[in-house]
Amino acid sequence: MRELDVPLTKTLRIAGFLLIMFLVLYVFGYRSGLSLGAAVGTAVSIWSGYFLGARMKRVSEVPASQAFAFMLAGFFLRFGLVVLALYMAFRLPWLDLPGVALGIFTVPVIFISQVVKMNRKG
């Protein structure tokens, strides 16, 4: 899993930059639920991506019989946070549901593009 450290680090940096841009956009200009929702979704996506990477690094230390349960516990924590963010966007009038959904997909899309780019280089 060490070969994924560089793309994950680049992905989290790019997503952090996007998070800052969404917040600047919300604070200084386009005050809408879409930019705030994209910021919330991106923050949730960064959190989920960071802890997925940390859990994947630690799974090698876990006995093989417990590795599946170890990864499954992390999945439910991350999935629960995503569902909570989407529920909050659905219930709160100042958050936009499509914006949160857009932000949640930010880290996976950037990560996949980083890995594809890395594999094309050889």
PDB file of N, CA and C in Angstrom:
ATOM      1  N   MET A   1       0.806  -1.203   0.000  1.00  0.00           N
ATOM      2  CA  MET A   1       0.000   0.000   0.000  1.00  0.00           C
ATOM      3  C   MET A   1       0.849   1.268   0.000  1.00  0.00           C
ATOM      4  N   ARG A   2       2.154   1.103   0.136  1.00  0.00           N
ATOM      5  CA  ARG A   2       3.028   2.280   0.146  1.00  0.00           C
ATOM      6  C   ARG A   2       3.012   3.003  -1.198  1.00  0.00           C
ATOM      7  N   GLU A   3       2.712   2.281  -2.284  1.00  0.00           N
ATOM      8  CA  GLU A   3       2.701   2.923  -3.589  1.00  0.00           C
ATOM      9  C   GLU A   3       1.539   3.899  -3.740  1.00  0.00           C
ATOM     10  N   LEU A   4       0.562   3.832  -2.840  1.00  0.00           N
ATOM     11  CA  LEU A   4      -0.578   4.755  -2.891  1.00  0.00           C
ATOM     12  C   LEU A   4      -0.392   5.972  -1.991  1.00  0.00           C
ATOM     13  N   ASP A   5       0.720   6.049  -1.264  1.00  0.00           N
ATOM     14  CA  ASP A   5       0.952   7.184  -0.383  1.00  0.00           C
ATOM     15  C   ASP A   5       1.073   8.501  -1.142  1.00  0.00           C
ATOM     16  N   VAL A   6       1.820   8.492  -2.237  1.00  0.00           N
ATOM     17  CA  VAL A   6       2.029   9.725  -2.994  1.00  0.00           C
ATOM     18  C   VAL A   6       0.731  10.218  -3.635  1.00  0.00           C
ATOM     19  N   PRO A   7      -0.027   9.357  -4.337  1.00  0.00           N
ATOM     20  CA  PRO A   7      -1.293   9.859  -4.899  1.00  0.00           C
ATOM     21  C   PRO A   7      -2.283  10.317  -3.825  1.00  0.00           C
ATOM     22  N   LEU A   8      -2.302   9.627  -2.672  1.00  0.00           N
ATOM     23  CA  LEU A   8      -3.228  10.037  -1.615  1.00  0.00           C
ATOM     24  C   LEU A   8      -2.827  11.393  -1.043  1.00  0.00           C
ATOM     25  N   THR A   9      -1.536  11.607  -0.849  1.00  0.00           N
ATOM     26  CA  THR A   9      -1.071  12.896  -0.334  1.00  0.00           C
ATOM     27  C   THR A   9      -1.397  14.025  -1.312  1.00  0.00           C
ATOM     28  N   LYS A  10      -1.139  13.798  -2.593  1.00  0.00           N
ATOM     29  CA  LYS A  10      -1.466  14.809  -3.606  1.00  0.00           C
ATOM     30  C   LYS A  10      -2.969  15.067  -3.649  1.00  0.00           C
ATOM     31  N   THR A  11      -3.746  14.000  -3.555  1.00  0.00           N
ATOM     32  CA  THR A  11      -5.203  14.131  -3.588  1.00  0.00           C
ATOM     33  C   THR A  11      -5.709  14.970  -2.429  1.00  0.00           C
ATOM     34  N   LEU A  12      -5.217  14.699  -1.226  1.00  0.00           N
ATOM     35  CA  LEU A  12      -5.682  15.450  -0.062  1.00  0.00           C
ATOM     36  C   LEU A  12      -5.250  16.914  -0.139  1.00  0.00           C
ATOM     37  N   ARG A  13      -4.084  17.186  -0.714  1.00  0.00           N
ATOM     38  CA  ARG A  13      -3.655  18.579  -0.889  1.00  0.00           C
ATOM     39  C   ARG A  13      -4.545  19.306  -1.890  1.00  0.00           C
ATOM     40  N   ILE A  14      -4.836  18.663  -3.008  1.00  0.00           N
ATOM     41  CA  ILE A  14      -5.704  19.282  -4.017  1.00  0.00           C
ATOM     42  C   ILE A  14      -7.100  19.510  -3.439  1.00  0.00           C
ATOM     43  N   ALA A  15      -7.619  18.521  -2.713  1.00  0.00           N
ATOM     44  CA  ALA A  15      -8.955  18.657  -2.120  1.00  0.00           C
ATOM     45  C   ALA A  15      -8.962  19.743  -1.053  1.00  0.00           C
ATOM     46  N   GLY A  16      -7.879  19.866  -0.289  1.00  0.00           N
ATOM     47  CA  GLY A  16      -7.786  20.951   0.690  1.00  0.00           C
ATOM     48  C   GLY A  16      -7.801  22.312   0.020  1.00  0.00           C
ATOM     49  N   PHE A  17      -7.101  22.429  -1.102  1.00  0.00           N
ATOM     50  CA  PHE A  17      -7.132  23.672  -1.876  1.00  0.00           C
ATOM     51  C   PHE A  17      -8.544  23.961  -2.366  1.00  0.00           C
ATOM     52  N   LEU A  18      -9.238  22.947  -2.871  1.00  0.00           N
ATOM     53  CA  LEU A  18     -10.622  23.137  -3.319  1.00  0.00           C
ATOM     54  C   LEU A  18     -11.536  23.547  -2.170  1.00  0.00           C
ATOM     55  N   LEU A  19     -11.314  22.953  -0.997  1.00  0.00           N
ATOM     56  CA  LEU A  19     -12.110  23.320   0.183  1.00  0.00           C
ATOM     57  C   LEU A  19     -11.921  24.795   0.504  1.00  0.00           C
ATOM     58  N   ILE A  20     -10.675  25.253   0.484  1.00  0.00           N
ATOM     59  CA  ILE A  20     -10.411  26.668   0.749  1.00  0.00           C
ATOM     60  C   ILE A  20     -11.079  27.540  -0.309  1.00  0.00           C
ATOM     61  N   MET A  21     -11.022  27.119  -1.559  1.00  0.00           N
ATOM     62  CA  MET A  21     -11.647  27.898  -2.631  1.00  0.00           C
ATOM     63  C   MET A  21     -13.167  27.962  -2.471  1.00  0.00           C
ATOM     64  N   PHE A  22     -13.799  26.854  -2.083  1.00  0.00           N
ATOM     65  CA  PHE A  22     -15.244  26.873  -1.852  1.00  0.00           C
ATOM     66  C   PHE A  22     -15.610  27.807  -0.706  1.00  0.00           C
ATOM     67  N   LEU A  23     -14.798  27.789   0.354  1.00  0.00           N
ATOM     68  CA  LEU A  23     -15.067  28.670   1.494  1.00  0.00           C
ATOM     69  C   LEU A  23     -14.848  30.136   1.134  1.00  0.00           C
ATOM     70  N   VAL A  24     -13.792  30.436   0.393  1.00  0.00           N
ATOM     71  CA  VAL A  24     -13.552  31.818  -0.049  1.00  0.00           C
ATOM     72  C   VAL A  24     -14.689  32.272  -0.950  1.00  0.00           C
ATOM     73  N   LEU A  25     -15.119  31.406  -1.833  1.00  0.00           N
ATOM     74  CA  LEU A  25     -16.233  31.721  -2.716  1.00  0.00           C
ATOM     75  C   LEU A  25     -17.493  32.023  -1.912  1.00  0.00           C
ATOM     76  N   TYR A  26     -17.730  31.252  -0.866  1.00  0.00           N
ATOM     77  CA  TYR A  26     -18.921  31.477  -0.041  1.00  0.00           C
ATOM     78  C   TYR A  26     -18.812  32.775   0.752  1.00  0.00           C
ATOM     79  N   VAL A  27     -17.655  33.003   1.361  1.00  0.00           N
ATOM     80  CA  VAL A  27     -17.497  34.159   2.252  1.00  0.00           C
ATOM     81  C   VAL A  27     -17.445  35.471   1.467  1.00  0.00           C
ATOM     82  N   PHE A  28     -16.721  35.514   0.364  1.00  0.00           N
ATOM     83  CA  PHE A  28     -16.483  36.777  -0.318  1.00  0.00           C
ATOM     84  C   PHE A  28     -17.326  37.018  -1.561  1.00  0.00           C
ATOM     85  N   GLY A  29     -18.074  36.070  -1.967  1.00  0.00           N
ATOM     86  CA  GLY A  29     -18.796  36.316  -3.204  1.00  0.00           C
ATOM     87  C   GLY A  29     -20.126  35.616  -3.286  1.00  0.00           C
ATOM     88  N   TYR A  30     -20.097  34.460  -3.800  1.00  0.00           N
ATOM     89  CA  TYR A  30     -21.301  33.716  -4.150  1.00  0.00           C
ATOM     90  C   TYR A  30     -21.877  33.040  -2.914  1.00  0.00           C
ATOM     91  N   ARG A  31     -22.680  33.783  -2.167  1.00  0.00           N
ATOM     92  CA  ARG A  31     -23.271  33.244  -0.933  1.00  0.00           C
ATOM     93  C   ARG A  31     -24.470  32.369  -1.280  1.00  0.00           C
ATOM     94  N   SER A  32     -24.195  31.121  -1.499  1.00  0.00           N
ATOM     95  CA  SER A  32     -25.284  30.202  -1.803  1.00  0.00           C
ATOM     96  C   SER A  32     -25.049  28.891  -1.080  1.00  0.00           C
ATOM     97  N   GLY A  33     -26.097  28.127  -0.999  1.00  0.00           N
ATOM     98  CA  GLY A  33     -25.994  26.822  -0.368  1.00  0.00           C
ATOM     99  C   GLY A  33     -25.130  25.866  -1.164  1.00  0.00           C
ATOM    100  N   LEU A  34     -24.985  26.127  -2.477  1.00  0.00           N
ATOM    101  CA  LEU A  34     -24.174  25.248  -3.312  1.00  0.00           C
ATOM    102  C   LEU A  34     -22.701  25.320  -2.929  1.00  0.00           C
ATOM    103  N   SER A  35     -22.165  26.528  -2.773  1.00  0.00           N
ATOM    104  CA  SER A  35     -20.744  26.642  -2.418  1.00  0.00           C
ATOM    105  C   SER A  35     -20.500  26.172  -0.991  1.00  0.00           C
ATOM    106  N   LEU A  36     -21.412  26.468  -0.073  1.00  0.00           N
ATOM    107  CA  LEU A  36     -21.256  25.985   1.297  1.00  0.00           C
ATOM    108  C   LEU A  36     -21.430  24.469   1.348  1.00  0.00           C
ATOM    109  N   GLY A  37     -22.379  23.929   0.593  1.00  0.00           N
ATOM    110  CA  GLY A  37     -22.573  22.485   0.537  1.00  0.00           C
ATOM    111  C   GLY A  37     -21.375  21.772  -0.056  1.00  0.00           C
ATOM    112  N   ALA A  38     -20.778  22.359  -1.097  1.00  0.00           N
ATOM    113  CA  ALA A  38     -19.580  21.766  -1.691  1.00  0.00           C
ATOM    114  C   ALA A  38     -18.428  21.783  -0.691  1.00  0.00           C
ATOM    115  N   ALA A  39     -18.341  22.833   0.123  1.00  0.00           N
ATOM    116  CA  ALA A  39     -17.294  22.901   1.146  1.00  0.00           C
ATOM    117  C   ALA A  39     -17.508  21.832   2.208  1.00  0.00           C
ATOM    118  N   VAL A  40     -18.739  21.667   2.656  1.00  0.00           N
ATOM    119  CA  VAL A  40     -19.036  20.631   3.664  1.00  0.00           C
ATOM    120  C   VAL A  40     -18.771  19.243   3.087  1.00  0.00           C
ATOM    121  N   GLY A  41     -19.233  18.995   1.874  1.00  0.00           N
ATOM    122  CA  GLY A  41     -19.011  17.698   1.240  1.00  0.00           C
ATOM    123  C   GLY A  41     -17.540  17.405   1.021  1.00  0.00           C
ATOM    124  N   THR A  42     -16.774  18.417   0.632  1.00  0.00           N
ATOM    125  CA  THR A  42     -15.337  18.229   0.423  1.00  0.00           C
ATOM    126  C   THR A  42     -14.644  17.944   1.743  1.00  0.00           C
ATOM    127  N   ALA A  43     -15.045  18.622   2.814  1.00  0.00           N
ATOM    128  CA  ALA A  43     -14.462  18.362   4.137  1.00  0.00           C
ATOM    129  C   ALA A  43     -14.745  16.927   4.583  1.00  0.00           C
ATOM    130  N   VAL A  44     -15.961  16.463   4.366  1.00  0.00           N
ATOM    131  CA  VAL A  44     -16.310  15.080   4.709  1.00  0.00           C
ATOM    132  C   VAL A  44     -15.493  14.106   3.854  1.00  0.00           C
ATOM    133  N   SER A  45     -15.324  14.433   2.585  1.00  0.00           N
ATOM    134  CA  SER A  45     -14.562  13.571   1.686  1.00  0.00           C
ATOM    135  C   SER A  45     -13.087  13.520   2.076  1.00  0.00           C
ATOM    136  N   ILE A  46     -12.523  14.654   2.478  1.00  0.00           N
ATOM    137  CA  ILE A  46     -11.132  14.685   2.936  1.00  0.00           C
ATOM    138  C   ILE A  46     -10.981  13.827   4.185  1.00  0.00           C
ATOM    139  N   TRP A  47     -11.896  13.978   5.120  1.00  0.00           N
ATOM    140  CA  TRP A  47     -11.854  13.199   6.360  1.00  0.00           C
ATOM    141  C   TRP A  47     -11.930  11.707   6.046  1.00  0.00           C
ATOM    142  N   SER A  48     -12.839  11.340   5.184  1.00  0.00           N
ATOM    143  CA  SER A  48     -13.020   9.937   4.832  1.00  0.00           C
ATOM    144  C   SER A  48     -11.790   9.380   4.110  1.00  0.00           C
ATOM    145  N   GLY A  49     -11.251  10.135   3.175  1.00  0.00           N
ATOM    146  CA  GLY A  49     -10.070   9.684   2.442  1.00  0.00           C
ATOM    147  C   GLY A  49      -8.848   9.545   3.333  1.00  0.00           C
ATOM    148  N   TYR A  50      -8.662  10.487   4.246  1.00  0.00           N
ATOM    149  CA  TYR A  50      -7.526  10.424   5.154  1.00  0.00           C
ATOM    150  C   TYR A  50      -7.597   9.178   6.039  1.00  0.00           C
ATOM    151  N   PHE A  51      -8.768   8.938   6.623  1.00  0.00           N
ATOM    152  CA  PHE A  51      -8.891   7.801   7.523  1.00  0.00           C
ATOM    153  C   PHE A  51      -8.925   6.460   6.785  1.00  0.00           C
ATOM    154  N   LEU A  52      -9.361   6.450   5.546  1.00  0.00           N
ATOM    155  CA  LEU A  52      -9.253   5.222   4.747  1.00  0.00           C
ATOM    156  C   LEU A  52      -7.786   4.901   4.498  1.00  0.00           C
ATOM    157  N   GLY A  53      -7.001   5.900   4.145  1.00  0.00           N
ATOM    158  CA  GLY A  53      -5.574   5.689   3.937  1.00  0.00           C
ATOM    159  C   GLY A  53      -4.873   5.224   5.203  1.00  0.00           C
ATOM    160  N   ALA A  54      -5.212   5.829   6.335  1.00  0.00           N
ATOM    161  CA  ALA A  54      -4.602   5.434   7.610  1.00  0.00           C
ATOM    162  C   ALA A  54      -4.990   4.004   7.977  1.00  0.00           C
ATOM    163  N   ARG A  55      -6.230   3.634   7.740  1.00  0.00           N
ATOM    164  CA  ARG A  55      -6.688   2.281   8.062  1.00  0.00           C
ATOM    165  C   ARG A  55      -6.033   1.253   7.147  1.00  0.00           C
ATOM    166  N   MET A  56      -5.832   1.608   5.884  1.00  0.00           N
ATOM    167  CA  MET A  56      -5.181   0.678   4.957  1.00  0.00           C
ATOM    168  C   MET A  56      -3.716   0.461   5.330  1.00  0.00           C
ATOM    169  N   LYS A  57      -3.075   1.479   5.883  1.00  0.00           N
ATOM    170  CA  LYS A  57      -1.694   1.310   6.327  1.00  0.00           C
ATOM    171  C   LYS A  57      -1.620   0.394   7.554  1.00  0.00           C
ATOM    172  N   ARG A  58      -2.623   0.500   8.438  1.00  0.00           N
ATOM    173  CA  ARG A  58      -2.600  -0.294   9.665  1.00  0.00           C
ATOM    174  C   ARG A  58      -3.130  -1.705   9.494  1.00  0.00           C
ATOM    175  N   VAL A  59      -3.794  -2.008   8.396  1.00  0.00           N
ATOM    176  CA  VAL A  59      -4.385  -3.341   8.228  1.00  0.00           C
ATOM    177  C   VAL A  59      -3.306  -4.415   8.119  1.00  0.00           C
ATOM    178  N   SER A  60      -2.112  -4.037   7.697  1.00  0.00           N
ATOM    179  CA  SER A  60      -1.039  -5.030   7.596  1.00  0.00           C
ATOM    180  C   SER A  60      -0.567  -5.513   8.972  1.00  0.00           C
ATOM    181  N   GLU A  61      -0.834  -4.740  10.018  1.00  0.00           N
ATOM    182  CA  GLU A  61      -0.443  -5.119  11.374  1.00  0.00           C
ATOM    183  C   GLU A  61      -1.472  -6.020  12.052  1.00  0.00           C
ATOM    184  N   VAL A  62      -2.667  -6.097  11.476  1.00  0.00           N
ATOM    185  CA  VAL A  62      -3.755  -6.872  12.058  1.00  0.00           C
ATOM    186  C   VAL A  62      -3.641  -8.313  11.575  1.00  0.00           C
ATOM    187  N   PRO A  63      -3.929  -9.295  12.448  1.00  0.00           N
ATOM    188  CA  PRO A  63      -3.931 -10.692  11.986  1.00  0.00           C
ATOM    189  C   PRO A  63      -4.916 -10.890  10.833  1.00  0.00           C
ATOM    190  N   ALA A  64      -4.580 -11.807   9.948  1.00  0.00           N
ATOM    191  CA  ALA A  64      -5.381 -12.017   8.735  1.00  0.00           C
ATOM    192  C   ALA A  64      -6.834 -12.374   9.055  1.00  0.00           C
ATOM    193  N   SER A  65      -7.061 -13.066  10.154  1.00  0.00           N
ATOM    194  CA  SER A  65      -8.430 -13.454  10.499  1.00  0.00           C
ATOM    195  C   SER A  65      -9.281 -12.256  10.926  1.00  0.00           C
ATOM    196  N   GLN A  66      -8.644 -11.170  11.360  1.00  0.00           N
ATOM    197  CA  GLN A  66      -9.380  -9.996  11.823  1.00  0.00           C
ATOM    198  C   GLN A  66      -9.330  -8.831  10.833  1.00  0.00           C
ATOM    199  N   ALA A  67      -8.625  -8.985   9.729  1.00  0.00           N
ATOM    200  CA  ALA A  67      -8.429  -7.875   8.791  1.00  0.00           C
ATOM    201  C   ALA A  67      -9.743  -7.427   8.153  1.00  0.00           C
ATOM    202  N   PHE A  68     -10.590  -8.375   7.779  1.00  0.00           N
ATOM    203  CA  PHE A  68     -11.867  -8.011   7.156  1.00  0.00           C
ATOM    204  C   PHE A  68     -12.732  -7.213   8.120  1.00  0.00           C
ATOM    205  N   ALA A  69     -12.826  -7.662   9.360  1.00  0.00           N
ATOM    206  CA  ALA A  69     -13.624  -6.951  10.365  1.00  0.00           C
ATOM    207  C   ALA A  69     -13.036  -5.568  10.643  1.00  0.00           C
ATOM    208  N   PHE A  70     -11.709  -5.470  10.630  1.00  0.00           N
ATOM    209  CA  PHE A  70     -11.035  -4.194  10.857  1.00  0.00           C
ATOM    210  C   PHE A  70     -11.397  -3.193   9.763  1.00  0.00           C
ATOM    211  N   MET A  71     -11.342  -3.626   8.520  1.00  0.00           N
ATOM    212  CA  MET A  71     -11.682  -2.734   7.406  1.00  0.00           C
ATOM    213  C   MET A  71     -13.183  -2.440   7.360  1.00  0.00           C
ATOM    214  N   LEU A  72     -14.007  -3.414   7.724  1.00  0.00           N
ATOM    215  CA  LEU A  72     -15.450  -3.217   7.724  1.00  0.00           C
ATOM    216  C   LEU A  72     -15.873  -2.182   8.762  1.00  0.00           C
ATOM    217  N   ALA A  73     -15.222  -2.186   9.918  1.00  0.00           N
ATOM    218  CA  ALA A  73     -15.537  -1.195  10.953  1.00  0.00           C
ATOM    219  C   ALA A  73     -15.231   0.210  10.446  1.00  0.00           C
ATOM    220  N   GLY A  74     -14.126   0.375   9.753  1.00  0.00           N
ATOM    221  CA  GLY A  74     -13.791   1.672   9.183  1.00  0.00           C
ATOM    222  C   GLY A  74     -14.768   2.090   8.101  1.00  0.00           C
ATOM    223  N   PHE A  75     -15.227   1.123   7.311  1.00  0.00           N
ATOM    224  CA  PHE A  75     -16.202   1.433   6.268  1.00  0.00           C
ATOM    225  C   PHE A  75     -17.478   1.994   6.874  1.00  0.00           C
ATOM    226  N   PHE A  76     -17.973   1.359   7.934  1.00  0.00           N
ATOM    227  CA  PHE A  76     -19.226   1.830   8.526  1.00  0.00           C
ATOM    228  C   PHE A  76     -19.082   3.203   9.172  1.00  0.00           C
ATOM    229  N   LEU A  77     -17.925   3.510   9.730  1.00  0.00           N
ATOM    230  CA  LEU A  77     -17.697   4.847  10.272  1.00  0.00           C
ATOM    231  C   LEU A  77     -17.709   5.900   9.169  1.00  0.00           C
ATOM    232  N   ARG A  78     -16.998   5.628   8.082  1.00  0.00           N
ATOM    233  CA  ARG A  78     -16.940   6.585   6.984  1.00  0.00           C
ATOM    234  C   ARG A  78     -18.289   6.705   6.281  1.00  0.00           C
ATOM    235  N   PHE A  79     -18.951   5.587   6.057  1.00  0.00           N
ATOM    236  CA  PHE A  79     -20.257   5.603   5.405  1.00  0.00           C
ATOM    237  C   PHE A  79     -21.279   6.347   6.270  1.00  0.00           C
ATOM    238  N   GLY A  80     -21.211   6.137   7.578  1.00  0.00           N
ATOM    239  CA  GLY A  80     -22.120   6.833   8.489  1.00  0.00           C
ATOM    240  C   GLY A  80     -21.936   8.341   8.432  1.00  0.00           C
ATOM    241  N   LEU A  81     -20.699   8.795   8.335  1.00  0.00           N
ATOM    242  CA  LEU A  81     -20.450  10.235   8.241  1.00  0.00           C
ATOM    243  C   LEU A  81     -20.986  10.799   6.926  1.00  0.00           C
ATOM    244  N   VAL A  82     -20.824  10.068   5.844  1.00  0.00           N
ATOM    245  CA  VAL A  82     -21.343  10.522   4.550  1.00  0.00           C
ATOM    246  C   VAL A  82     -22.867  10.608   4.599  1.00  0.00           C
ATOM    247  N   VAL A  83     -23.503   9.598   5.151  1.00  0.00           N
ATOM    248  CA  VAL A  83     -24.971   9.606   5.256  1.00  0.00           C
ATOM    249  C   VAL A  83     -25.432  10.756   6.154  1.00  0.00           C
ATOM    250  N   LEU A  84     -24.716  10.998   7.247  1.00  0.00           N
ATOM    251  CA  LEU A  84     -25.060  12.112   8.141  1.00  0.00           C
ATOM    252  C   LEU A  84     -24.934  13.455   7.420  1.00  0.00           C
ATOM    253  N   ALA A  85     -23.887  13.630   6.633  1.00  0.00           N
ATOM    254  CA  ALA A  85     -23.713  14.882   5.884  1.00  0.00           C
ATOM    255  C   ALA A  85     -24.838  15.067   4.873  1.00  0.00           C
ATOM    256  N   LEU A  86     -25.208  14.001   4.179  1.00  0.00           N
ATOM    257  CA  LEU A  86     -26.305  14.107   3.211  1.00  0.00           C
ATOM    258  C   LEU A  86     -27.634  14.368   3.906  1.00  0.00           C
ATOM    259  N   TYR A  87     -27.846  13.753   5.065  1.00  0.00           N
ATOM    260  CA  TYR A  87     -29.080  13.991   5.822  1.00  0.00           C
ATOM    261  C   TYR A  87     -29.150  15.440   6.300  1.00  0.00           C
ATOM    262  N   MET A  88     -28.007  15.959   6.788  1.00  0.00           N
ATOM    263  CA  MET A  88     -27.985  17.363   7.221  1.00  0.00           C
ATOM    264  C   MET A  88     -28.280  18.292   6.046  1.00  0.00           C
ATOM    265  N   ALA A  89     -27.735  17.979   4.881  1.00  0.00           N
ATOM    266  CA  ALA A  89     -27.995  18.812   3.710  1.00  0.00           C
ATOM    267  C   ALA A  89     -29.461  18.754   3.306  1.00  0.00           C
ATOM    268  N   PHE A  90     -30.078  17.610   3.521  1.00  0.00           N
ATOM    269  CA  PHE A  90     -31.497  17.462   3.195  1.00  0.00           C
ATOM    270  C   PHE A  90     -32.370  18.244   4.174  1.00  0.00           C
ATOM    271  N   ARG A  91     -31.970  18.286   5.442  1.00  0.00           N
ATOM    272  CA  ARG A  91     -32.795  18.902   6.480  1.00  0.00           C
ATOM    273  C   ARG A  91     -32.538  20.400   6.687  1.00  0.00           C
ATOM    274  N   LEU A  92     -31.317  20.853   6.441  1.00  0.00           N
ATOM    275  CA  LEU A  92     -30.977  22.252   6.703  1.00  0.00           C
ATOM    276  C   LEU A  92     -31.195  23.094   5.449  1.00  0.00           C
ATOM    277  N   PRO A  93     -31.899  24.215   5.587  1.00  0.00           N
ATOM    278  CA  PRO A  93     -32.218  25.013   4.396  1.00  0.00           C
ATOM    279  C   PRO A  93     -31.014  25.752   3.809  1.00  0.00           C
ATOM    280  N   TRP A  94     -29.980  25.993   4.576  1.00  0.00           N
ATOM    281  CA  TRP A  94     -28.834  26.752   4.075  1.00  0.00           C
ATOM    282  C   TRP A  94     -27.750  25.872   3.465  1.00  0.00           C
ATOM    283  N   LEU A  95     -27.967  24.561   3.426  1.00  0.00           N
ATOM    284  CA  LEU A  95     -27.047  23.643   2.746  1.00  0.00           C
ATOM    285  C   LEU A  95     -27.751  23.082   1.518  1.00  0.00           C
ATOM    286  N   ASP A  96     -27.024  22.945   0.458  1.00  0.00           N
ATOM    287  CA  ASP A  96     -27.583  22.440  -0.785  1.00  0.00           C
ATOM    288  C   ASP A  96     -27.179  20.973  -0.960  1.00  0.00           C
ATOM    289  N   LEU A  97     -28.152  20.100  -1.123  1.00  0.00           N
ATOM    290  CA  LEU A  97     -27.885  18.666  -1.257  1.00  0.00           C
ATOM    291  C   LEU A  97     -26.995  18.344  -2.458  1.00  0.00           C
ATOM    292  N   PRO A  98     -27.243  18.888  -3.649  1.00  0.00           N
ATOM    293  CA  PRO A  98     -26.320  18.613  -4.760  1.00  0.00           C
ATOM    294  C   PRO A  98     -24.898  19.116  -4.491  1.00  0.00           C
ATOM    295  N   GLY A  99     -24.762  20.223  -3.762  1.00  0.00           N
ATOM    296  CA  GLY A  99     -23.437  20.726  -3.424  1.00  0.00           C
ATOM    297  C   GLY A  99     -22.686  19.775  -2.512  1.00  0.00           C
ATOM    298  N   VAL A 100     -23.366  19.243  -1.504  1.00  0.00           N
ATOM    299  CA  VAL A 100     -22.733  18.282  -0.599  1.00  0.00           C
ATOM    300  C   VAL A 100     -22.363  17.011  -1.360  1.00  0.00           C
ATOM    301  N   ALA A 101     -23.259  16.539  -2.208  1.00  0.00           N
ATOM    302  CA  ALA A 101     -22.963  15.340  -2.992  1.00  0.00           C
ATOM    303  C   ALA A 101     -21.775  15.581  -3.920  1.00  0.00           C
ATOM    304  N   LEU A 102     -21.703  16.752  -4.526  1.00  0.00           N
ATOM    305  CA  LEU A 102     -20.559  17.102  -5.370  1.00  0.00           C
ATOM    306  C   LEU A 102     -19.265  17.064  -4.560  1.00  0.00           C
ATOM    307  N   GLY A 103     -19.287  17.638  -3.374  1.00  0.00           N
ATOM    308  CA  GLY A 103     -18.101  17.653  -2.528  1.00  0.00           C
ATOM    309  C   GLY A 103     -17.682  16.273  -2.060  1.00  0.00           C
ATOM    310  N   ILE A 104     -18.643  15.407  -1.801  1.00  0.00           N
ATOM    311  CA  ILE A 104     -18.326  14.057  -1.327  1.00  0.00           C
ATOM    312  C   ILE A 104     -17.581  13.268  -2.407  1.00  0.00           C
ATOM    313  N   PHE A 105     -17.888  13.529  -3.660  1.00  0.00           N
ATOM    314  CA  PHE A 105     -17.216  12.812  -4.748  1.00  0.00           C
ATOM    315  C   PHE A 105     -15.882  13.447  -5.151  1.00  0.00           C
ATOM    316  N   THR A 106     -15.488  14.531  -4.503  1.00  0.00           N
ATOM    317  CA  THR A 106     -14.265  15.234  -4.877  1.00  0.00           C
ATOM    318  C   THR A 106     -13.025  14.371  -4.694  1.00  0.00           C
ATOM    319  N   VAL A 107     -12.810  13.839  -3.506  1.00  0.00           N
ATOM    320  CA  VAL A 107     -11.592  13.067  -3.228  1.00  0.00           C
ATOM    321  C   VAL A 107     -11.528  11.779  -4.055  1.00  0.00           C
ATOM    322  N   PRO A 108     -12.596  10.992  -4.170  1.00  0.00           N
ATOM    323  CA  PRO A 108     -12.478   9.789  -5.013  1.00  0.00           C
ATOM    324  C   PRO A 108     -12.130  10.093  -6.466  1.00  0.00           C
ATOM    325  N   VAL A 109     -12.718  11.139  -7.036  1.00  0.00           N
ATOM    326  CA  VAL A 109     -12.438  11.472  -8.440  1.00  0.00           C
ATOM    327  C   VAL A 109     -10.991  11.931  -8.602  1.00  0.00           C
ATOM    328  N   ILE A 110     -10.519  12.779  -7.688  1.00  0.00           N
ATOM    329  CA  ILE A 110      -9.127  13.252  -7.767  1.00  0.00           C
ATOM    330  C   ILE A 110      -8.169  12.088  -7.562  1.00  0.00           C
ATOM    331  N   PHE A 111      -8.468  11.200  -6.609  1.00  0.00           N
ATOM    332  CA  PHE A 111      -7.583  10.074  -6.334  1.00  0.00           C
ATOM    333  C   PHE A 111      -7.482   9.139  -7.539  1.00  0.00           C
ATOM    334  N   ILE A 112      -8.608   8.834  -8.150  1.00  0.00           N
ATOM    335  CA  ILE A 112      -8.597   7.960  -9.330  1.00  0.00           C
ATOM    336  C   ILE A 112      -7.789   8.601 -10.448  1.00  0.00           C
ATOM    337  N   SER A 113      -7.957   9.902 -10.645  1.00  0.00           N
ATOM    338  CA  SER A 113      -7.180  10.563 -11.698  1.00  0.00           C
ATOM    339  C   SER A 113      -5.688  10.562 -11.378  1.00  0.00           C
ATOM    340  N   GLN A 114      -5.330  10.689 -10.101  1.00  0.00           N
ATOM    341  CA  GLN A 114      -3.914  10.642  -9.713  1.00  0.00           C
ATOM    342  C   GLN A 114      -3.315   9.255  -9.961  1.00  0.00           C
ATOM    343  N   VAL A 115      -4.057   8.215  -9.633  1.00  0.00           N
ATOM    344  CA  VAL A 115      -3.560   6.854  -9.838  1.00  0.00           C
ATOM    345  C   VAL A 115      -3.438   6.538 -11.326  1.00  0.00           C
ATOM    346  N   VAL A 116      -4.412   6.945 -12.125  1.00  0.00           N
ATOM    347  CA  VAL A 116      -4.337   6.732 -13.568  1.00  0.00           C
ATOM    348  C   VAL A 116      -3.132   7.478 -14.139  1.00  0.00           C
ATOM    349  N   LYS A 117      -2.942   8.711 -13.700  1.00  0.00           N
ATOM    350  CA  LYS A 117      -1.800   9.505 -14.165  1.00  0.00           C
ATOM    351  C   LYS A 117      -0.472   8.843 -13.770  1.00  0.00           C
ATOM    352  N   MET A 118      -0.419   8.295 -12.558  1.00  0.00           N
ATOM    353  CA  MET A 118       0.785   7.627 -12.089  1.00  0.00           C
ATOM    354  C   MET A 118       1.059   6.354 -12.906  1.00  0.00           C
ATOM    355  N   ASN A 119       0.017   5.613 -13.233  1.00  0.00           N
ATOM    356  CA  ASN A 119       0.186   4.366 -13.999  1.00  0.00           C
ATOM    357  C   ASN A 119       0.557   4.641 -15.459  1.00  0.00           C
ATOM    358  N   ARG A 120       0.131   5.759 -16.001  1.00  0.00           N
ATOM    359  CA  ARG A 120       0.490   6.094 -17.383  1.00  0.00           C
ATOM    360  C   ARG A 120       1.960   6.461 -17.501  1.00  0.00           C
ATOM    361  N   LYS A 121       2.514   7.047 -16.438  1.00  0.00           N
ATOM    362  CA  LYS A 121       3.928   7.412 -16.456  1.00  0.00           C
ATOM    363  C   LYS A 121       4.816   6.165 -16.422  1.00  0.00           C
ATOM    364  N   GLY A 122       4.294   5.116 -15.836  1.00  0.00           N
ATOM    365  CA  GLY A 122       5.050   3.853 -15.836  1.00  0.00           C
ATOM    366  C   GLY A 122       5.552   3.560 -14.515  1.00  0.00           C
TER     367      GLY A 122
END
